[in-house]
């Protein structure tokens, strides 16, 4: 993730907003930095994987990207986690012409989330009844939103699609255009391949941005060095 323009002398972020400058990727973290940041990264990605597995089990709709991964798994020998790893790796290939550089968190994101989703889905449990399925889906959405904020706030590297957003934004493409194209195309392709689209998909789109905002704000504060300590 490229450091945002504007330096550090600007006005402080408004209450409820994340300090964007604090989200820049730490390329060569010291041992002290890793002790502060790595638990947020691993915890956040683990939470994302757990929430994704809950949404899969509810069968009431997935996020656009997970619908794509599920659709790929329905039409290949791959599991949904393996499909996630494959799609993430392909997305990172697009970083090359954009001159984006991955961080430690990027690699862990691509590989770790897919493996953990598959591990959670090995648990032989499926909710029964519409009420239980809806509750599981809602918990999954909330969990994913909080997990995304944690790993972003760790500052150890963007996810594979976030790197595309950043790279294209630096070349003048508005973030909303890139995000819209990626999510709509993933959703459409996932639906075409048989991925689960439903109320959970809508809930994800509405709730997750707000959950990420506040979770990332907390994570940035925790990952920041305390006054008087060496970075």
Protein backbone atom coordinates (compact mmCIF):
# COMPACT_ATOMS: atom_id res chain seq x y z
CA UNK A 1 0.00 0.00 0.00
CA UNK A 2 1.50 3.33 -1.02
CA UNK A 3 1.73 6.06 1.59
CA UNK A 4 -0.97 8.68 0.99
CA UNK A 5 -0.02 12.13 -0.08
CA UNK A 6 -0.28 15.09 2.22
CA UNK A 7 2.43 14.37 4.80
CA UNK A 8 1.85 14.34 8.51
CA UNK A 9 1.21 18.01 9.08
CA UNK A 10 -2.47 18.03 8.14
CA UNK A 11 -5.44 18.25 10.42
CA UNK A 12 -6.12 15.25 12.67
CA UNK A 13 -8.81 12.83 11.50
CA UNK A 14 -12.35 13.58 12.55
CA UNK A 15 -13.88 11.51 15.30
CA UNK A 16 -14.89 8.10 13.95
CA UNK A 17 -12.52 8.33 10.99
CA UNK A 18 -9.41 6.23 10.50
CA UNK A 19 -6.10 8.10 10.26
CA UNK A 20 -5.29 7.09 6.69
CA UNK A 21 -1.60 7.87 7.07
CA UNK A 22 -1.41 5.25 9.80
CA UNK A 23 -2.53 2.56 7.37
CA UNK A 24 0.58 2.65 5.19
CA UNK A 25 2.36 -0.68 4.82
CA UNK A 26 5.40 -1.34 7.00
CA UNK A 27 7.75 -2.98 4.49
CA UNK A 28 10.54 -4.04 6.85
CA UNK A 29 8.99 -4.29 10.30
CA UNK A 30 11.33 -4.54 13.25
CA UNK A 31 10.89 -7.25 15.87
CA UNK A 32 9.02 -4.74 18.04
CA UNK A 33 6.75 -3.79 15.15
CA UNK A 34 5.98 -7.46 14.46
CA UNK A 35 5.08 -8.05 18.10
CA UNK A 36 2.56 -5.23 17.89
CA UNK A 37 1.20 -5.85 14.44
CA UNK A 38 1.35 -9.59 13.76
CA UNK A 39 -1.36 -10.56 16.29
CA UNK A 40 -3.76 -8.12 14.59
CA UNK A 41 -2.92 -9.50 11.18
CA UNK A 42 -3.28 -13.17 12.11
CA UNK A 43 -6.26 -12.59 14.36
CA UNK A 44 -8.03 -10.52 11.72
CA UNK A 45 -7.47 -13.06 8.94
CA UNK A 46 -8.53 -15.92 11.21
CA UNK A 47 -11.73 -14.05 12.08
CA UNK A 48 -12.40 -13.39 8.39
CA UNK A 49 -12.02 -17.09 7.62
CA UNK A 50 -14.39 -18.04 10.46
CA UNK A 51 -16.99 -15.51 9.31
CA UNK A 52 -16.71 -16.71 5.73
CA UNK A 53 -17.31 -20.30 6.83
CA UNK A 54 -20.40 -19.18 8.77
CA UNK A 55 -21.80 -17.43 5.71
CA UNK A 56 -21.16 -20.53 3.59
CA UNK A 57 -22.94 -22.75 6.13
CA UNK A 58 -25.96 -20.43 6.30
CA UNK A 59 -26.58 -20.79 2.55
CA UNK A 60 -28.20 -17.34 2.53
CA UNK A 61 -25.69 -15.46 0.43
CA UNK A 62 -21.97 -14.71 0.30
CA UNK A 63 -19.87 -11.65 -0.40
CA UNK A 64 -19.16 -11.04 -4.11
CA UNK A 65 -15.64 -12.46 -3.92
CA UNK A 66 -16.62 -15.50 -1.89
CA UNK A 67 -19.53 -16.17 -4.27
CA UNK A 68 -16.94 -16.26 -7.05
CA UNK A 69 -14.68 -18.60 -5.07
CA UNK A 70 -17.62 -20.88 -4.32
CA UNK A 71 -18.68 -20.85 -7.96
CA UNK A 72 -15.18 -21.84 -9.03
CA UNK A 73 -15.20 -24.66 -6.47
CA UNK A 74 -18.51 -25.94 -7.86
CA UNK A 75 -17.02 -26.25 -11.35
CA UNK A 76 -13.50 -27.50 -10.59
CA UNK A 77 -11.87 -30.02 -8.26
CA UNK A 78 -10.82 -27.12 -5.99
CA UNK A 79 -12.27 -26.42 -2.56
CA UNK A 80 -13.61 -22.92 -1.86
CA UNK A 81 -10.43 -22.13 0.06
CA UNK A 82 -8.20 -23.34 -2.75
CA UNK A 83 -10.25 -21.31 -5.22
CA UNK A 84 -9.71 -18.26 -2.98
CA UNK A 85 -5.94 -18.81 -3.07
CA UNK A 86 -5.97 -19.21 -6.86
CA UNK A 87 -8.05 -16.08 -7.49
CA UNK A 88 -5.95 -14.07 -5.03
CA UNK A 89 -2.73 -15.16 -6.74
CA UNK A 90 -4.14 -14.21 -10.15
CA UNK A 91 -5.15 -10.80 -8.78
CA UNK A 92 -1.59 -10.27 -7.58
CA UNK A 93 -0.27 -10.86 -11.09
CA UNK A 94 -2.09 -7.67 -12.05
CA UNK A 95 0.06 -5.83 -9.51
CA UNK A 96 3.12 -6.25 -11.74
CA UNK A 97 2.28 -3.63 -14.39
CA UNK A 98 0.91 -1.38 -11.62
CA UNK A 99 4.24 -1.64 -9.75
CA UNK A 100 2.59 -2.55 -6.48
CA UNK A 101 4.66 -4.37 -3.88
CA UNK A 102 3.17 -6.94 -1.49
CA UNK A 103 3.84 -6.94 2.21
CA UNK A 104 4.00 -9.81 4.65
CA UNK A 105 0.28 -9.44 5.26
CA UNK A 106 -0.46 -9.77 1.55
CA UNK A 107 1.10 -13.21 1.29
CA UNK A 108 -0.46 -14.40 4.54
CA UNK A 109 -3.82 -13.06 3.34
CA UNK A 110 -3.76 -14.90 0.02
CA UNK A 111 -2.68 -18.26 1.42
CA UNK A 112 -3.84 -18.20 5.03
CA UNK A 113 -7.48 -17.23 4.62
CA UNK A 114 -8.12 -19.94 2.04
CA UNK A 115 -6.54 -22.63 4.20
CA UNK A 116 -8.41 -21.50 7.30
CA UNK A 117 -11.78 -21.34 5.49
CA UNK A 118 -11.32 -24.94 4.38
CA UNK A 119 -10.35 -25.93 7.92
CA UNK A 120 -13.47 -24.34 9.43
CA UNK A 121 -15.67 -26.00 6.81
CA UNK A 122 -14.39 -29.40 7.92
CA UNK A 123 -16.43 -28.96 11.10
CA UNK A 124 -19.54 -31.14 10.50
CA UNK A 125 -22.15 -28.58 11.51
CA UNK A 126 -24.95 -27.02 9.46
CA UNK A 127 -27.62 -24.71 10.97
CA UNK A 128 -31.21 -25.85 10.49
CA UNK A 129 -34.25 -23.64 10.20
CA UNK A 130 -34.44 -20.21 8.59
CA UNK A 131 -34.02 -18.35 11.88
CA UNK A 132 -30.83 -20.18 12.78
CA UNK A 133 -29.42 -19.78 9.29
CA UNK A 134 -30.17 -16.06 9.28
CA UNK A 135 -28.52 -15.63 12.69
CA UNK A 136 -25.43 -17.51 11.52
CA UNK A 137 -25.25 -15.36 8.39
CA UNK A 138 -25.50 -12.13 10.39
CA UNK A 139 -22.77 -13.29 12.78
CA UNK A 140 -20.63 -14.17 9.77
CA UNK A 141 -21.06 -10.72 8.22
CA UNK A 142 -20.23 -8.94 11.48
CA UNK A 143 -17.23 -11.19 12.07
CA UNK A 144 -15.83 -10.58 8.60
CA UNK A 145 -16.23 -6.81 8.92
CA UNK A 146 -14.39 -6.74 12.22
CA UNK A 147 -11.66 -9.05 10.91
CA UNK A 148 -11.04 -6.91 7.83
CA UNK A 149 -10.53 -3.87 10.01
CA UNK A 150 -8.05 -5.72 12.21
CA UNK A 151 -5.84 -6.89 9.35
CA UNK A 152 -5.96 -3.51 7.57
CA UNK A 153 -5.03 -1.74 10.79
CA UNK A 154 -2.05 -4.06 11.27
CA UNK A 155 -0.39 -2.26 8.35
CA UNK A 156 1.56 -5.28 7.09
CA UNK A 157 0.28 -5.23 3.52
CA UNK A 158 -2.98 -4.94 1.59
CA UNK A 159 -5.05 -7.82 0.32
CA UNK A 160 -4.67 -8.84 -3.34
CA UNK A 161 -7.66 -6.79 -4.52
CA UNK A 162 -6.83 -3.82 -2.32
CA UNK A 163 -3.49 -3.58 -4.09
CA UNK A 164 -5.32 -3.31 -7.40
CA UNK A 165 -7.46 -0.48 -5.99
CA UNK A 166 -4.39 1.39 -4.79
CA UNK A 167 -2.41 0.87 -7.98
CA UNK A 168 -5.20 2.02 -10.26
CA UNK A 169 -6.04 4.96 -7.98
CA UNK A 170 -2.46 6.20 -8.35
CA UNK A 171 -3.06 6.22 -12.11
CA UNK A 172 -6.18 8.34 -11.85
CA UNK A 173 -8.91 5.69 -11.70
CA UNK A 174 -11.39 6.54 -8.90
CA UNK A 175 -11.52 3.97 -6.13
CA UNK A 176 -15.29 3.61 -6.40
CA UNK A 177 -14.99 2.74 -10.11
CA UNK A 178 -12.37 0.04 -9.54
CA UNK A 179 -14.16 -1.40 -6.52
CA UNK A 180 -17.49 -1.35 -8.34
CA UNK A 181 -16.10 -3.12 -11.39
CA UNK A 182 -14.31 -5.76 -9.30
CA UNK A 183 -17.25 -6.50 -7.03
CA UNK A 184 -19.98 -6.43 -9.69
CA UNK A 185 -17.96 -8.61 -12.07
CA UNK A 186 -17.10 -11.05 -9.26
CA UNK A 187 -20.74 -11.19 -8.20
CA UNK A 188 -21.97 -11.75 -11.76
CA UNK A 189 -19.39 -14.43 -12.51
CA UNK A 190 -19.97 -16.09 -9.16
CA UNK A 191 -23.73 -16.18 -9.78
CA UNK A 192 -23.17 -17.60 -13.26
CA UNK A 193 -20.96 -20.33 -11.81
CA UNK A 194 -23.54 -21.21 -9.17
CA UNK A 195 -22.27 -19.26 -6.16
CA UNK A 196 -24.78 -18.44 -3.42
CA UNK A 197 -26.33 -14.97 -3.77
CA UNK A 198 -28.98 -13.84 -1.30
CA UNK A 199 -29.86 -11.69 1.66
CA UNK A 200 -26.39 -12.21 3.12
CA UNK A 201 -24.88 -10.64 0.01
CA UNK A 202 -26.96 -7.49 0.52
CA UNK A 203 -26.25 -7.40 4.25
CA UNK A 204 -22.54 -7.73 3.56
CA UNK A 205 -22.59 -4.80 1.14
CA UNK A 206 -24.47 -2.56 3.57
CA UNK A 207 -22.87 -3.41 6.92
CA UNK A 208 -19.25 -4.31 6.26
CA UNK A 209 -17.94 -0.83 5.29
CA UNK A 210 -19.09 0.58 8.63
CA UNK A 211 -17.74 -2.37 10.61
CA UNK A 212 -14.38 -2.10 8.87
CA UNK A 213 -14.22 1.64 9.60
CA UNK A 214 -14.48 1.23 13.35
CA UNK A 215 -12.51 -1.99 13.60
CA UNK A 216 -9.62 -0.50 11.60
CA UNK A 217 -9.67 2.62 13.78
CA UNK A 218 -9.29 0.48 16.90
CA UNK A 219 -6.62 -1.70 15.30
CA UNK A 220 -4.56 1.31 14.21
CA UNK A 221 -4.60 2.61 17.76
CA UNK A 222 -3.49 -0.72 19.20
CA UNK A 223 -0.79 -1.30 16.58
CA UNK A 224 0.69 2.19 17.01
CA UNK A 225 3.78 2.40 19.22
CA UNK A 226 3.29 3.77 22.68
CA UNK A 227 4.82 7.16 23.48
CA UNK A 228 8.44 6.82 24.50
CA UNK A 229 8.96 3.39 22.88
CA UNK A 230 11.21 2.63 19.95
CA UNK A 231 9.47 1.69 16.68
